Amino acid sequence: DVYLTDVNGPKGGPDKRCRVVAHLPTGPVVVGRTGPDPVAAVAAAAVRCRRLIRSRLKRRWGRRRRAVGA
């Protein structure tokens, strides 16, 4: 889920907030980024979310492989 909000309203400034919520079997991953441009805020949040999802899945796969190999 992606949520975009304008924090300051019509005042301007770095106030576009993007919140990304990814629902994984291990639990949700929630990332937020703020910036002057909504496209840049979404891109930054997506990059961070991707990194977190990869690290969580790698951790889970590592545990599963060790359990099967033991």
Protein backbone atom coordinates (compact mmCIF):
# COMPACT_ATOMS: atom_id res chain seq x y z
CA ASP A 1 0.00 0.00 0.00
CA VAL A 2 1.29 3.48 -0.85
CA TYR A 3 0.06 6.63 0.88
CA LEU A 4 0.89 10.18 -0.25
CA THR A 5 0.19 13.20 1.92
CA ASP A 6 0.99 16.89 1.79
CA VAL A 7 2.14 17.72 5.30
CA ASN A 8 2.12 21.54 5.14
CA GLY A 9 -0.73 21.99 2.69
CA PRO A 10 -0.29 24.87 0.23
CA LYS A 11 2.66 26.43 2.14
CA GLY A 12 5.28 24.61 0.04
CA GLY A 13 8.64 23.22 1.12
CA PRO A 14 9.81 19.63 1.60
CA ASP A 15 6.45 18.43 2.73
CA LYS A 16 5.34 15.60 0.46
CA ARG A 17 5.28 12.43 2.57
CA CYS A 18 5.16 8.94 1.11
CA ARG A 19 4.47 5.90 3.27
CA VAL A 20 4.83 2.39 1.84
CA VAL A 21 3.44 -0.63 3.67
CA ALA A 22 4.41 -4.07 2.36
CA HIS A 23 2.62 -7.04 3.89
CA LEU A 24 4.96 -10.03 4.29
CA PRO A 25 4.37 -13.39 6.01
CA THR A 26 6.91 -12.31 8.66
CA GLY A 27 5.01 -9.07 9.32
CA PRO A 28 4.58 -5.68 7.70
CA VAL A 29 7.42 -3.53 6.40
CA VAL A 30 6.64 0.17 6.81
CA VAL A 31 8.82 2.86 5.21
CA GLY A 32 8.30 6.60 5.07
CA ARG A 33 10.12 9.32 3.16
CA THR A 34 9.52 13.08 2.89
CA GLY A 35 10.70 15.48 0.20
CA PRO A 36 9.78 18.49 -1.92
CA ASP A 37 8.76 16.34 -4.90
CA PRO A 38 6.18 13.54 -4.57
CA VAL A 39 7.85 11.44 -7.27
CA ALA A 40 11.21 11.63 -5.48
CA ALA A 41 9.57 10.74 -2.15
CA VAL A 42 7.90 7.68 -3.70
CA ALA A 43 11.13 6.60 -5.40
CA ALA A 44 13.16 6.93 -2.19
CA ALA A 45 10.56 5.02 -0.18
CA ALA A 46 10.42 2.27 -2.80
CA VAL A 47 14.21 1.84 -2.79
CA ARG A 48 14.28 1.61 1.02
CA CYS A 49 11.33 -0.79 1.08
CA ARG A 50 13.01 -3.06 -1.46
CA ARG A 51 16.17 -3.21 0.66
CA LEU A 52 14.24 -4.06 3.81
CA ILE A 53 12.18 -6.76 2.08
CA ARG A 54 15.30 -8.36 0.61
CA SER A 55 17.09 -8.39 3.96
CA ARG A 56 14.07 -9.91 5.75
CA LEU A 57 13.61 -12.59 3.11
CA LYS A 58 17.33 -13.43 3.06
CA ARG A 59 17.26 -13.78 6.82
CA ARG A 60 14.23 -16.06 6.61
CA TRP A 61 15.72 -18.16 3.79
CA GLY A 62 18.97 -18.51 5.74
CA ARG A 63 17.16 -19.85 8.81
CA ARG A 64 15.14 -22.27 6.70
CA ARG A 65 18.22 -23.66 4.93
CA ARG A 66 20.09 -24.16 8.20
CA ALA A 67 17.09 -25.95 9.73
CA VAL A 68 16.75 -28.28 6.73
CA GLY A 69 20.49 -29.00 6.59
CA ALA A 70 20.81 -29.74 10.32
